[in-house]
N, C-alpha and C. Protein backbone atom coordinates (compact mmCIF):
# COMPACT_ATOMS: atom_id res chain seq x y z
N UNK A 1 1.11 -1.31 0.26
CA UNK A 1 -0.10 -0.48 0.11
C UNK A 1 0.70 1.39 0.35
N UNK A 2 2.06 1.07 0.62
CA UNK A 2 3.09 2.46 1.12
C UNK A 2 3.35 2.11 -0.45
N UNK A 3 3.62 1.68 -1.34
CA UNK A 3 4.56 1.67 -2.20
C UNK A 3 3.66 2.07 -3.12
N UNK A 4 2.24 1.38 -3.72
CA UNK A 4 1.47 2.58 -4.34
C UNK A 4 1.32 3.55 -4.13
N UNK A 5 1.15 4.14 -2.19
CA UNK A 5 1.15 5.54 -2.07
C UNK A 5 2.29 6.63 -2.60
N UNK A 6 3.18 5.97 -2.21
CA UNK A 6 4.91 6.26 -2.79
C UNK A 6 4.57 6.15 -4.59
N UNK A 7 3.95 6.10 -5.31
CA UNK A 7 3.94 5.53 -7.05
C UNK A 7 3.11 7.11 -7.31
N UNK A 8 1.82 7.01 -6.46
CA UNK A 8 1.20 7.66 -6.74
C UNK A 8 1.70 8.63 -6.77
N UNK A 9 2.04 9.11 -5.44
CA UNK A 9 3.54 10.92 -4.92
C UNK A 9 3.74 11.30 -6.34
N UNK A 10 4.66 10.31 -6.69
CA UNK A 10 5.78 11.02 -7.73
C UNK A 10 5.15 10.88 -9.11
N UNK A 11 3.95 10.10 -9.44
CA UNK A 11 3.10 10.52 -10.94
C UNK A 11 2.47 12.21 -11.22
N UNK A 12 2.58 12.18 -9.51
CA UNK A 12 1.26 13.75 -9.50
C UNK A 12 2.38 14.77 -10.05
N UNK A 13 3.54 14.44 -8.66
CA UNK A 13 4.30 15.59 -8.76
C UNK A 13 4.79 15.34 -10.47
N UNK A 14 5.27 14.80 -11.03
CA UNK A 14 5.95 15.00 -12.18
C UNK A 14 5.31 15.54 -13.16
N UNK A 15 3.38 15.04 -13.12
CA UNK A 15 2.65 15.64 -13.98
C UNK A 15 3.10 17.27 -13.17
N UNK A 16 3.19 17.99 -12.29
CA UNK A 16 3.08 18.90 -11.49
C UNK A 16 4.24 20.19 -12.76
N UNK A 17 5.67 19.18 -12.45
CA UNK A 17 6.13 19.58 -12.88
C UNK A 17 6.06 20.35 -14.09
N UNK A 18 6.04 18.90 -14.82
CA UNK A 18 6.34 19.12 -16.66
C UNK A 18 4.73 20.10 -16.93
N UNK A 19 4.25 20.56 -16.04
CA UNK A 19 3.24 21.66 -16.45
C UNK A 19 3.59 22.73 -15.96
N UNK A 20 5.18 23.11 -14.99
CA UNK A 20 5.38 24.36 -14.96
C UNK A 20 6.45 24.63 -15.74
N UNK A 21 7.27 24.05 -16.15
CA UNK A 21 8.04 23.43 -17.15
C UNK A 21 7.90 24.37 -18.37
N UNK A 22 6.12 23.86 -19.28
CA UNK A 22 5.68 24.64 -20.37
C UNK A 22 5.61 25.70 -19.78
N UNK A 23 4.85 25.88 -18.56
CA UNK A 23 4.58 27.49 -18.02
C UNK A 23 5.53 28.50 -18.89
N UNK A 24 7.08 28.08 -18.28
CA UNK A 24 8.12 28.79 -18.16
C UNK A 24 8.97 28.75 -19.59
N UNK A 25 8.71 27.96 -20.48
CA UNK A 25 8.97 28.39 -21.35
C UNK A 25 8.18 28.71 -21.89
N UNK A 26 6.41 28.93 -22.31
CA UNK A 26 5.92 30.16 -22.60
C UNK A 26 6.37 31.42 -22.09
N UNK A 27 6.33 32.16 -21.12
CA UNK A 27 6.43 33.36 -20.60
C UNK A 27 8.68 33.12 -21.21
N UNK A 28 9.33 32.03 -21.12
CA UNK A 28 10.25 32.52 -21.62
C UNK A 28 10.50 32.90 -22.88
N UNK A 29 9.86 32.41 -23.92
CA UNK A 29 9.23 33.59 -25.26
C UNK A 29 8.35 33.92 -25.85
N UNK A 30 8.05 34.58 -24.65
CA UNK A 30 7.70 36.12 -24.91
C UNK A 30 8.44 37.00 -23.93
N UNK A 31 9.62 36.86 -23.07
CA UNK A 31 10.27 38.31 -22.72
C UNK A 31 10.78 37.31 -23.94
N UNK A 32 11.74 36.70 -24.64
CA UNK A 32 12.40 37.14 -25.92
C UNK A 32 11.42 38.13 -26.96
N UNK A 33 10.44 38.06 -26.98
CA UNK A 33 10.60 38.84 -28.37
C UNK A 33 10.31 40.57 -27.91
N UNK A 34 10.07 40.70 -26.30
CA UNK A 34 9.45 42.37 -25.81
C UNK A 34 10.63 41.73 -25.18
N UNK A 35 11.09 43.87 -24.58
CA UNK A 35 11.87 43.59 -24.03
C UNK A 35 11.16 44.15 -22.99
N UNK A 36 11.98 43.83 -21.30
CA UNK A 36 11.69 44.56 -19.79
C UNK A 36 12.25 45.49 -19.07
N UNK A 37 12.55 46.39 -20.35
CA UNK A 37 12.99 47.46 -19.84
C UNK A 37 12.56 48.41 -19.12
N UNK A 38 11.96 49.09 -18.04
CA UNK A 38 11.74 49.88 -17.41
C UNK A 38 11.60 51.51 -18.14
N UNK A 39 12.73 51.51 -18.33
CA UNK A 39 12.61 53.66 -18.29
C UNK A 39 12.86 54.16 -19.72
N UNK A 40 12.64 54.86 -20.26
CA UNK A 40 12.49 54.73 -21.58
C UNK A 40 12.80 56.04 -21.87
N UNK A 41 13.09 56.71 -23.36
CA UNK A 41 13.63 58.19 -23.21
C UNK A 41 12.60 58.59 -24.22
N UNK A 42 11.66 60.01 -24.12
CA UNK A 42 10.44 60.30 -24.90
C UNK A 42 12.56 61.33 -25.24
N UNK A 43 11.69 62.29 -26.94
CA UNK A 43 12.49 62.97 -27.18
C UNK A 43 12.88 64.07 -26.38
N UNK A 44 12.36 64.71 -26.47
CA UNK A 44 12.14 65.82 -24.72
C UNK A 44 13.32 65.58 -24.18
N UNK A 45 13.28 64.52 -22.97
CA UNK A 45 14.32 64.12 -22.87
C UNK A 45 16.69 63.88 -23.20
N UNK A 46 15.77 63.26 -24.47
CA UNK A 46 16.20 62.65 -25.77
C UNK A 46 17.82 64.71 -25.64
N UNK A 47 16.49 64.95 -26.20
CA UNK A 47 17.77 66.37 -27.62
C UNK A 47 18.52 67.03 -25.66
N UNK A 48 18.18 66.56 -24.38
CA UNK A 48 19.00 67.47 -23.43
C UNK A 48 20.56 67.00 -23.24
N UNK A 49 20.54 65.91 -24.14
CA UNK A 49 21.75 65.21 -23.72
C UNK A 49 22.73 65.03 -24.47
N UNK A 50 23.82 65.03 -23.41
CA UNK A 50 25.12 65.13 -24.46
C UNK A 50 24.70 63.89 -25.55
N UNK A 51 26.42 64.45 -26.43
CA UNK A 51 25.56 63.27 -27.51
C UNK A 51 26.40 62.30 -27.63
N UNK A 52 27.60 61.71 -25.65
CA UNK A 52 28.23 60.14 -25.17
C UNK A 52 26.62 59.28 -25.05
N UNK A 53 25.76 60.60 -24.27
CA UNK A 53 25.29 60.01 -23.26
C UNK A 53 24.29 59.52 -24.22
N UNK A 54 23.97 59.88 -25.43
CA UNK A 54 22.68 59.82 -27.04
C UNK A 54 23.79 58.82 -27.47
N UNK A 55 24.22 58.58 -27.58
CA UNK A 55 25.17 57.18 -28.22
C UNK A 55 24.74 56.03 -27.31
N UNK A 56 25.30 56.50 -25.86
CA UNK A 56 24.52 55.22 -25.00
C UNK A 56 22.79 54.35 -24.97
N UNK A 57 22.53 55.97 -25.14
CA UNK A 57 21.03 55.97 -25.27
C UNK A 57 20.70 53.96 -26.27
N UNK A 58 21.78 54.73 -27.43
CA UNK A 58 21.07 54.25 -28.61
C UNK A 58 21.58 52.09 -28.76
N UNK A 59 22.62 52.61 -27.65
CA UNK A 59 23.58 51.37 -27.72
C UNK A 59 23.14 50.21 -27.06
N UNK A 60 22.49 51.17 -25.75
CA UNK A 60 21.53 50.11 -24.90
C UNK A 60 20.41 49.08 -25.28
N UNK A 61 19.55 50.33 -26.14
CA UNK A 61 18.65 49.98 -26.97
C UNK A 61 19.15 48.87 -28.13
N UNK A 62 20.28 48.59 -28.78
CA UNK A 62 20.50 47.44 -29.90
C UNK A 62 20.43 46.88 -28.62
N UNK A 63 21.48 47.25 -27.41
CA UNK A 63 21.43 44.82 -26.88
C UNK A 63 20.58 44.40 -26.72
N UNK A 64 19.81 45.51 -26.04
CA UNK A 64 18.42 44.70 -25.73
C UNK A 64 17.73 43.39 -27.21
N UNK A 65 17.75 44.37 -28.15
CA UNK A 65 18.03 43.90 -29.37
C UNK A 65 18.38 42.23 -30.31
N UNK A 66 19.42 42.86 -28.75
CA UNK A 66 20.29 40.86 -29.18
C UNK A 66 19.73 40.22 -28.28
N UNK A 67 18.91 40.20 -27.12
CA UNK A 67 17.57 39.25 -26.89
C UNK A 67 16.86 39.10 -27.43
N UNK A 68 16.83 39.73 -28.21
CA UNK A 68 15.19 39.49 -28.66
C UNK A 68 15.39 38.37 -29.80
N UNK A 69 14.25 38.48 -30.00
CA UNK A 69 13.93 36.99 -31.77
C UNK A 69 13.93 37.80 -32.85
N UNK A 70 15.50 38.51 -33.36
CA UNK A 70 15.15 38.96 -34.74
C UNK A 70 16.06 37.61 -35.61
N UNK A 71 16.25 37.51 -35.76
CA UNK A 71 16.76 36.22 -37.27
C UNK A 71 18.53 36.28 -37.06
N UNK A 72 19.00 35.82 -36.72
CA UNK A 72 20.66 35.70 -37.12
C UNK A 72 21.29 36.43 -37.64
N UNK A 73 20.70 36.57 -38.96
CA UNK A 73 21.52 37.97 -40.17
C UNK A 73 21.21 38.85 -39.33
N UNK A 74 19.51 39.16 -39.03
CA UNK A 74 19.02 41.02 -38.60
C UNK A 74 20.30 40.90 -37.29
N UNK A 75 20.86 40.53 -36.14
CA UNK A 75 21.77 40.93 -34.75
C UNK A 75 22.91 40.57 -35.70
N UNK A 76 23.27 40.45 -37.02
CA UNK A 76 25.08 40.24 -37.85
C UNK A 76 24.77 41.72 -37.55
N UNK A 77 23.61 42.33 -38.57
CA UNK A 77 23.35 43.53 -38.99
C UNK A 77 23.41 44.79 -37.76
N UNK A 78 22.48 44.28 -37.17
CA UNK A 78 22.61 44.76 -35.77
C UNK A 78 23.96 45.25 -35.06
N UNK A 79 24.62 44.29 -34.63
CA UNK A 79 26.32 43.91 -34.33
C UNK A 79 27.05 45.07 -34.68
N UNK A 80 27.41 45.21 -36.09
CA UNK A 80 27.37 46.27 -37.44
C UNK A 80 27.13 47.44 -36.48
N UNK A 81 26.26 47.92 -36.52
CA UNK A 81 25.36 49.31 -36.18
C UNK A 81 26.23 49.73 -34.50
N UNK A 82 26.23 48.38 -34.13
CA UNK A 82 26.76 48.57 -32.59
C UNK A 82 28.32 49.00 -32.65
N UNK A 83 28.66 48.92 -33.48
CA UNK A 83 29.87 48.90 -33.08
C UNK A 83 30.43 50.20 -34.66
N UNK A 84 29.84 50.82 -34.78
CA UNK A 84 29.77 51.25 -36.40
C UNK A 84 29.54 53.11 -35.08
N UNK A 85 28.27 52.96 -34.14
CA UNK A 85 27.78 54.14 -33.05
C UNK A 85 29.46 53.34 -32.01
N UNK A 86 29.85 52.50 -31.29
CA UNK A 86 30.77 52.95 -30.77
C UNK A 86 32.19 52.96 -31.03
N UNK A 87 32.21 53.01 -32.42
CA UNK A 87 34.13 53.46 -33.11
C UNK A 87 34.10 55.07 -33.29
N UNK A 88 32.72 56.41 -32.78
CA UNK A 88 32.69 57.67 -33.20
C UNK A 88 33.70 58.05 -31.46
N UNK A 89 34.73 58.49 -31.63
CA UNK A 89 34.95 59.15 -31.19
C UNK A 89 34.61 60.26 -29.94
N UNK A 90 34.68 60.16 -28.51
CA UNK A 90 33.83 61.20 -27.76
C UNK A 90 33.71 62.16 -28.15
N UNK A 91 32.22 62.65 -27.57
CA UNK A 91 31.64 64.10 -27.60
C UNK A 91 30.74 64.00 -29.29
N UNK A 92 30.96 62.60 -29.77
CA UNK A 92 30.08 63.01 -31.36
C UNK A 92 29.81 61.79 -31.49
N UNK A 93 28.95 62.22 -32.70
CA UNK A 93 27.49 61.74 -32.78
C UNK A 93 26.80 61.93 -33.78
N UNK A 94 27.51 60.72 -35.25
CA UNK A 94 27.00 61.64 -35.57
C UNK A 94 26.31 60.41 -37.58
N UNK A 95 25.53 60.85 -38.23
CA UNK A 95 24.97 60.47 -39.07
C UNK A 95 26.34 59.00 -40.42
N UNK A 96 26.83 58.16 -40.56
CA UNK A 96 27.75 58.09 -41.97
C UNK A 96 27.35 57.18 -42.43
N UNK A 97 27.97 57.23 -43.31
CA UNK A 97 27.90 56.00 -44.42
C UNK A 97 27.83 54.67 -43.85
N UNK A 98 28.09 54.26 -42.86
CA UNK A 98 28.77 53.53 -42.91
C UNK A 98 26.89 52.80 -41.63
N UNK A 99 26.59 53.80 -41.70
CA UNK A 99 25.09 53.58 -40.69
C UNK A 99 23.97 53.40 -41.72
N UNK A 100 24.58 54.45 -42.87
CA UNK A 100 23.38 54.64 -44.28
C UNK A 100 23.50 53.30 -44.18
N UNK A 101 24.37 52.08 -44.98
CA UNK A 101 24.59 51.58 -45.18
C UNK A 101 23.85 49.82 -45.06
N UNK A 102 24.20 50.27 -43.21
CA UNK A 102 23.39 49.26 -42.12
C UNK A 102 21.94 49.26 -42.67
N UNK A 103 22.01 50.50 -41.35
CA UNK A 103 20.13 50.86 -41.72
C UNK A 103 19.41 50.07 -43.05
N UNK A 104 20.23 50.58 -44.16
CA UNK A 104 19.10 49.71 -45.48
C UNK A 104 19.26 48.93 -45.61
N UNK A 105 20.67 47.58 -45.43
CA UNK A 105 20.36 46.30 -45.73
C UNK A 105 19.45 45.60 -44.64
N UNK A 106 19.04 46.48 -43.03
CA UNK A 106 18.37 45.47 -41.68
C UNK A 106 17.00 46.24 -42.41
N UNK A 107 16.54 47.55 -43.37
CA UNK A 107 15.66 47.54 -43.38
C UNK A 107 15.09 46.48 -44.88
N UNK A 108 15.67 46.33 -45.41
CA UNK A 108 15.58 45.71 -46.78
C UNK A 108 15.08 43.69 -45.94
N UNK A 109 15.44 43.36 -44.61
CA UNK A 109 15.27 42.28 -43.85
C UNK A 109 14.32 42.21 -42.34
N UNK A 110 13.72 43.12 -42.60
CA UNK A 110 12.41 43.12 -41.61
C UNK A 110 12.15 44.02 -41.90
N UNK A 111 10.97 43.56 -41.25
CA UNK A 111 9.29 44.40 -41.24
C UNK A 111 9.16 45.23 -40.60
N UNK A 112 8.41 46.76 -41.63
CA UNK A 112 8.26 47.96 -41.19
C UNK A 112 7.95 47.70 -39.45
N UNK A 113 7.25 47.36 -39.18
CA UNK A 113 6.93 47.70 -37.44
C UNK A 113 7.64 46.95 -36.66
N UNK A 114 8.58 46.43 -37.21
CA UNK A 114 10.24 45.90 -36.42
C UNK A 114 10.90 46.82 -36.06
N UNK A 115 11.33 47.31 -37.33
CA UNK A 115 12.40 48.17 -37.73
C UNK A 115 12.48 49.29 -37.71
N UNK A 116 10.93 50.32 -37.88
CA UNK A 116 10.87 51.54 -37.39
C UNK A 116 10.42 51.68 -35.45
N UNK A 117 10.72 50.55 -34.99
CA UNK A 117 10.47 50.51 -33.37
C UNK A 117 11.59 50.33 -32.89
N UNK A 118 12.51 49.93 -33.85
CA UNK A 118 14.05 49.27 -33.49
C UNK A 118 15.14 50.59 -33.63
N UNK A 119 14.74 51.61 -34.63
CA UNK A 119 15.58 52.15 -34.44
C UNK A 119 14.96 54.18 -35.29
N UNK A 120 14.14 54.05 -34.71
CA UNK A 120 12.85 55.68 -34.93
C UNK A 120 12.87 55.54 -33.38
N UNK A 121 13.38 55.42 -32.58
CA UNK A 121 12.31 55.48 -31.13
C UNK A 121 12.91 54.67 -29.92
N UNK A 122 13.03 55.53 -29.10
CA UNK A 122 13.42 55.41 -27.78
C UNK A 122 12.61 55.27 -26.79
N UNK A 123 11.17 55.61 -26.94
CA UNK A 123 10.44 55.44 -25.94
C UNK A 123 9.34 54.40 -25.75
N UNK A 124 9.87 53.60 -26.22
CA UNK A 124 9.29 52.67 -26.15
C UNK A 124 9.79 50.84 -26.03
N UNK A 125 8.45 50.06 -25.23
CA UNK A 125 9.82 48.86 -25.70
C UNK A 125 9.80 48.19 -26.74
N UNK A 126 11.27 48.08 -27.28
CA UNK A 126 11.00 46.88 -28.26
C UNK A 126 10.19 45.68 -28.38
N UNK A 127 9.59 45.67 -28.90
CA UNK A 127 8.76 44.44 -29.27
C UNK A 127 9.00 43.68 -31.44
N UNK A 128 9.05 42.16 -31.07
CA UNK A 128 9.20 42.17 -32.57
C UNK A 128 8.04 41.21 -32.98
N UNK A 129 7.36 41.00 -34.13
CA UNK A 129 6.67 40.99 -34.64
C UNK A 129 6.83 39.51 -35.49
N UNK A 130 7.94 40.22 -36.23
CA UNK A 130 8.04 39.19 -37.09
C UNK A 130 7.42 39.19 -38.51
N UNK A 131 6.24 39.80 -38.63
CA UNK A 131 5.69 39.41 -39.54
C UNK A 131 5.28 40.84 -40.41
N UNK A 132 4.86 40.67 -41.69
CA UNK A 132 5.10 41.97 -42.62
C UNK A 132 5.73 42.33 -43.81
N UNK A 133 5.32 43.32 -44.55
CA UNK A 133 6.79 43.26 -45.71
C UNK A 133 7.92 43.87 -45.07
N UNK A 134 8.73 44.66 -45.35
CA UNK A 134 10.06 45.80 -45.05
C UNK A 134 9.40 46.91 -45.91
N UNK A 135 9.93 48.41 -44.95
CA UNK A 135 9.06 49.48 -45.19
C UNK A 135 9.92 49.54 -46.35
N UNK A 136 8.97 50.35 -46.65
CA UNK A 136 9.16 51.56 -48.64
C UNK A 136 9.68 52.65 -48.83
N UNK A 137 8.45 53.61 -47.59
CA UNK A 137 9.81 54.95 -47.86
C UNK A 137 10.86 55.10 -47.08
N UNK A 138 10.84 53.69 -46.15
CA UNK A 138 12.39 53.88 -44.94
C UNK A 138 12.85 53.69 -46.25
N UNK A 139 13.05 53.11 -47.46
CA UNK A 139 14.41 52.77 -48.88
C UNK A 139 14.88 53.61 -48.26
N UNK A 140 13.85 54.82 -48.95
CA UNK A 140 13.67 56.37 -50.01
C UNK A 140 14.59 56.55 -48.68
N UNK A 141 14.54 57.01 -47.78
CA UNK A 141 14.39 57.95 -46.58
C UNK A 141 16.10 57.85 -46.70
N UNK A 142 16.59 57.15 -45.78
CA UNK A 142 17.28 56.24 -45.09
C UNK A 142 18.34 56.45 -46.78
N UNK A 143 17.86 56.19 -47.69
CA UNK A 143 19.19 56.78 -48.96
C UNK A 143 19.21 58.23 -49.79
N UNK A 144 17.85 58.45 -49.08
CA UNK A 144 18.23 60.46 -49.43
C UNK A 144 18.51 60.93 -47.87
N UNK A 145 19.10 60.01 -47.79
CA UNK A 145 20.72 61.34 -45.84
C UNK A 145 21.84 62.11 -47.07
N UNK A 146 21.20 63.41 -46.45
CA UNK A 146 22.85 63.83 -46.71
C UNK A 146 24.24 63.40 -45.31
N UNK A 147 24.60 62.66 -45.67
CA UNK A 147 26.15 62.75 -45.44
C UNK A 147 26.66 63.21 -44.81
N UNK A 148 26.88 63.87 -43.22
CA UNK A 148 27.01 65.06 -42.83
C UNK A 148 26.66 66.10 -42.41
N UNK A 149 25.43 66.09 -43.01
CA UNK A 149 24.34 67.51 -43.27
C UNK A 149 23.95 67.44 -41.64
N UNK A 150 24.30 66.72 -40.99
CA UNK A 150 23.45 67.96 -39.76
C UNK A 150 23.50 68.88 -39.59
N UNK A 151 22.78 69.71 -37.89
CA UNK A 151 22.92 71.18 -38.32
C UNK A 151 23.66 70.51 -36.84
N UNK A 152 24.43 72.62 -36.38
CA UNK A 152 24.15 72.35 -35.29
C UNK A 152 22.88 72.38 -34.54
N UNK A 153 23.48 73.31 -32.92
CA UNK A 153 22.43 73.62 -32.43
C UNK A 153 21.23 74.93 -32.50
N UNK A 154 20.40 74.90 -32.80
CA UNK A 154 19.73 74.86 -32.51
C UNK A 154 19.12 76.42 -31.82
N UNK A 155 19.21 77.44 -32.86
CA UNK A 155 18.49 78.90 -31.29
C UNK A 155 16.55 78.94 -31.45
N UNK A 156 17.00 79.03 -29.89
CA UNK A 156 14.91 79.32 -29.34
C UNK A 156 14.63 80.74 -29.71
N UNK A 157 13.95 80.68 -30.70
CA UNK A 157 13.77 81.98 -31.48
C UNK A 157 12.04 83.11 -31.20
N UNK A 158 11.22 81.50 -30.27
CA UNK A 158 10.71 82.15 -29.23
C UNK A 158 10.09 81.28 -28.33
N UNK A 159 9.05 81.23 -27.13
CA UNK A 159 8.77 80.26 -26.07
C UNK A 159 7.38 79.85 -26.92
N UNK A 160 7.99 79.50 -27.98
CA UNK A 160 7.17 77.86 -28.28
C UNK A 160 7.47 76.97 -27.89
N UNK A 161 6.85 75.38 -27.54
CA UNK A 161 7.15 74.35 -27.53
C UNK A 161 8.49 74.05 -29.06
N UNK A 162 9.13 72.20 -28.01
CA UNK A 162 9.84 72.32 -29.22
C UNK A 162 10.05 71.61 -30.13
N UNK A 163 9.56 71.28 -31.33
CA UNK A 163 9.33 70.31 -32.75
C UNK A 163 9.83 68.80 -32.39
N UNK A 164 8.74 68.28 -32.21
CA UNK A 164 8.72 66.81 -32.65
C UNK A 164 8.75 65.79 -33.52
N UNK A 165 8.43 66.42 -34.49
CA UNK A 165 8.67 65.57 -35.63
C UNK A 165 9.63 66.52 -37.26
N UNK A 166 10.39 65.87 -38.06
CA UNK A 166 10.34 65.74 -39.56
C UNK A 166 8.62 65.83 -40.52
N UNK A 167 9.18 68.11 -40.76
CA UNK A 167 8.13 68.07 -41.93
C UNK A 167 7.75 66.55 -42.69
N UNK A 168 8.82 66.16 -43.57
CA UNK A 168 8.53 65.05 -44.30
C UNK A 168 8.17 64.11 -44.22
N UNK A 169 7.67 64.04 -42.72
CA UNK A 169 6.47 62.82 -42.62
C UNK A 169 5.91 63.06 -43.19
N UNK A 170 5.00 64.28 -43.54
CA UNK A 170 3.53 64.57 -43.61
C UNK A 170 3.38 64.02 -45.38
N UNK A 171 4.56 63.79 -46.34
CA UNK A 171 4.85 63.85 -47.20
C UNK A 171 4.98 62.00 -47.53
N UNK A 172 5.82 61.30 -46.50
CA UNK A 172 5.36 59.77 -46.47
C UNK A 172 4.64 59.07 -45.66
N UNK A 173 3.29 60.00 -45.48
CA UNK A 173 2.39 59.56 -44.32
C UNK A 173 1.16 60.38 -45.40
N UNK A 174 1.25 60.62 -46.82
CA UNK A 174 0.37 61.43 -47.27
C UNK A 174 -1.64 61.53 -46.86
N UNK A 175 -2.09 59.94 -46.49
CA UNK A 175 -3.77 59.87 -45.90
C UNK A 175 -3.74 60.51 -44.97
N UNK A 176 -2.57 60.70 -44.38
CA UNK A 176 -2.75 61.94 -42.62
C UNK A 176 -2.95 62.98 -42.78
N UNK A 177 -1.59 63.29 -43.78
CA UNK A 177 -1.45 65.19 -44.08
C UNK A 177 -2.41 65.23 -44.41
N UNK A 178 -3.15 64.74 -46.02
CA UNK A 178 -3.94 65.36 -46.45
C UNK A 178 -5.72 65.20 -45.74
N UNK A 179 -6.16 64.95 -44.57
CA UNK A 179 -7.09 64.30 -44.48
C UNK A 179 -7.53 64.51 -43.22
N UNK A 180 -6.27 64.79 -42.10
CA UNK A 180 -6.00 64.92 -40.82
C UNK A 180 -5.23 65.67 -39.93
N UNK A 181 -4.13 65.39 -40.16
CA UNK A 181 -3.03 66.11 -39.68
C UNK A 181 -3.33 67.28 -39.51
N UNK A 182 -2.37 67.74 -38.16
CA UNK A 182 -2.14 69.35 -37.81
C UNK A 182 -0.68 69.24 -38.60
N UNK A 183 -0.75 70.22 -38.97
CA UNK A 183 1.79 70.70 -39.27
C UNK A 183 1.86 72.20 -38.40
N UNK A 184 2.49 71.60 -37.55
CA UNK A 184 3.25 73.00 -36.65
C UNK A 184 4.13 73.54 -37.40
N UNK A 185 4.36 74.67 -37.92
CA UNK A 185 6.13 74.69 -38.44
C UNK A 185 7.17 75.01 -37.89
N UNK A 186 8.25 75.02 -38.10
CA UNK A 186 9.12 75.57 -37.36
C UNK A 186 9.67 77.03 -38.24
N UNK A 187 9.50 77.14 -38.85
CA UNK A 187 9.50 78.40 -39.52
C UNK A 187 8.95 78.85 -39.49
N UNK A 188 7.39 79.02 -38.93
CA UNK A 188 6.60 80.27 -38.66
C UNK A 188 7.08 80.68 -37.22
N UNK A 189 7.82 80.69 -36.40
CA UNK A 189 8.48 80.98 -35.37
C UNK A 189 9.68 82.13 -35.73
N UNK A 190 10.26 81.82 -36.99
CA UNK A 190 10.69 82.80 -37.50
C UNK A 190 10.88 84.63 -37.54
N UNK A 191 11.18 85.19 -36.48
CA UNK A 191 10.76 86.61 -36.56
C UNK A 191 10.69 87.01 -38.10
N UNK A 192 9.02 87.98 -38.15
CA UNK A 192 8.56 88.46 -39.47
C UNK A 192 8.21 87.53 -40.30
N UNK A 193 7.99 85.81 -39.63
CA UNK A 193 7.32 85.03 -39.97
C UNK A 193 5.60 85.69 -40.25
N UNK A 194 5.53 85.78 -41.69
CA UNK A 194 4.15 85.59 -41.95
C UNK A 194 2.65 84.65 -41.83
N UNK A 195 3.62 83.36 -41.23
CA UNK A 195 2.97 81.97 -40.83
C UNK A 195 2.22 82.19 -40.05
N UNK A 196 0.84 81.82 -40.13
CA UNK A 196 -0.35 81.80 -39.19
C UNK A 196 0.56 80.69 -38.29
N UNK A 197 0.48 81.08 -37.05
CA UNK A 197 1.32 80.71 -35.65
C UNK A 197 -0.20 78.82 -35.62
N UNK A 198 -0.26 78.26 -34.28
CA UNK A 198 1.03 78.00 -33.71
C UNK A 198 2.18 77.52 -34.52
N UNK A 199 3.42 77.19 -33.74
CA UNK A 199 4.75 76.93 -33.81
C UNK A 199 5.70 76.61 -33.91
N UNK A 200 6.51 75.97 -33.67
CA UNK A 200 7.59 75.13 -32.87
C UNK A 200 8.97 75.44 -32.84
N UNK A 201 9.84 75.93 -32.16
CA UNK A 201 11.07 76.26 -32.00
C UNK A 201 11.83 74.84 -32.38
N UNK A 202 13.33 75.29 -33.91
CA UNK A 202 14.09 73.15 -34.05
C UNK A 202 14.57 73.37 -33.25
N UNK A 203 14.74 71.92 -33.33
CA UNK A 203 15.91 70.95 -32.44
C UNK A 203 16.81 70.25 -33.26
N UNK A 204 17.91 70.06 -32.86
CA UNK A 204 18.89 69.53 -33.76
C UNK A 204 18.96 68.25 -34.09
N UNK A 205 18.44 67.71 -33.24
CA UNK A 205 18.68 66.17 -33.06
C UNK A 205 16.88 65.71 -32.39
N UNK A 206 16.91 64.36 -32.61
CA UNK A 206 15.30 64.27 -31.60
C UNK A 206 14.56 63.51 -33.06
N UNK A 207 15.44 63.52 -34.19
CA UNK A 207 13.93 63.10 -35.30
C UNK A 207 14.94 62.26 -36.34
N UNK A 208 14.40 61.62 -37.21
CA UNK A 208 14.99 60.70 -38.31
C UNK A 208 14.92 58.80 -37.20
N UNK A 209 16.77 58.48 -38.59
CA UNK A 209 16.80 57.52 -37.69
C UNK A 209 18.02 57.51 -36.76
N UNK A 210 18.14 56.94 -35.86
CA UNK A 210 19.04 57.36 -34.13
C UNK A 210 18.55 58.42 -34.10
N UNK A 211 17.27 59.15 -34.14
CA UNK A 211 16.61 60.15 -33.41
C UNK A 211 18.16 61.50 -33.78
N UNK A 212 18.94 61.17 -35.14
CA UNK A 212 20.19 61.91 -35.14
C UNK A 212 19.63 63.49 -36.62
N UNK A 213 18.79 63.44 -36.46
CA UNK A 213 18.38 64.74 -37.29
C UNK A 213 17.68 65.40 -36.80
N UNK A 214 17.46 66.57 -37.06
CA UNK A 214 16.73 68.01 -36.25
C UNK A 214 14.83 67.90 -36.78
N UNK A 215 14.86 68.46 -36.14
CA UNK A 215 13.31 68.62 -35.97
C UNK A 215 12.62 69.86 -36.47
N UNK A 216 11.50 69.30 -37.14
CA UNK A 216 11.61 71.01 -38.07
C UNK A 216 9.99 71.06 -37.39
N UNK A 217 8.49 70.24 -36.91
CA UNK A 217 7.59 70.86 -37.25
C UNK A 217 7.23 69.61 -35.74
N UNK A 218 6.30 70.00 -35.82
CA UNK A 218 4.85 69.86 -34.53
C UNK A 218 3.87 68.21 -35.74
N UNK A 219 3.37 67.19 -35.24
CA UNK A 219 2.13 66.95 -35.92
C UNK A 219 1.52 66.17 -35.17
N UNK A 220 0.20 67.16 -35.50
CA UNK A 220 -0.58 66.47 -34.33
C UNK A 220 -1.34 65.77 -35.24
N UNK A 221 -1.84 64.40 -34.55
CA UNK A 221 -2.73 63.71 -34.79
C UNK A 221 -4.07 63.47 -34.65
N UNK A 222 -4.46 64.19 -33.20
CA UNK A 222 -5.90 64.51 -32.52
C UNK A 222 -7.12 64.29 -33.26
N UNK A 223 -6.99 64.80 -34.31
CA UNK A 223 -8.23 64.97 -34.86
C UNK A 223 -8.15 63.33 -36.41
N UNK A 224 -7.18 62.60 -36.20
CA UNK A 224 -7.22 61.43 -36.85
C UNK A 224 -7.49 59.96 -36.62
């Protein structure tokens, strides 16, 4: 009788352990597709950072990506991008021809949502869906970047809020631009401008790929 009772306990225990193991595996699968970092950086916070801290922010995000479910080929390109950023001298963070090619290569094999989430945002968790087509407008935009064309810090010319988006956003998403998006231009803040207000102050970074480019407008989608 004791033998039967002991065997029954072992059997129930094995069922429990097997079920628990399944739950752990499911959780691990989830964690491998979503980053778990608790702090993220808004554009407003980012543009106040030094170039070295801006680099560190992107290196942290790209480091997170290496733990998620990107493909081996995607991770290889992400590693190249990390080395390009790390290789820049202290106090300097600019868009280089190497980074341009790496982003083009990564975009070509990455679904649009995953690509934009990785290299065009620091304010939200990384999520890898692995579904969908590559980003067509991204390839055109990255390929058209004027290497070395980043501008020095921009003077504040009014008490308007900082811009948070490039005006080219409207041409990339014409359905919003034509129908419901409200565009507030930096140019409307300039002395002598006859443009209708409101306006926004240009920033030298916080927009575009790895937030390395100037922001020239605010796009308000509240009516969309």
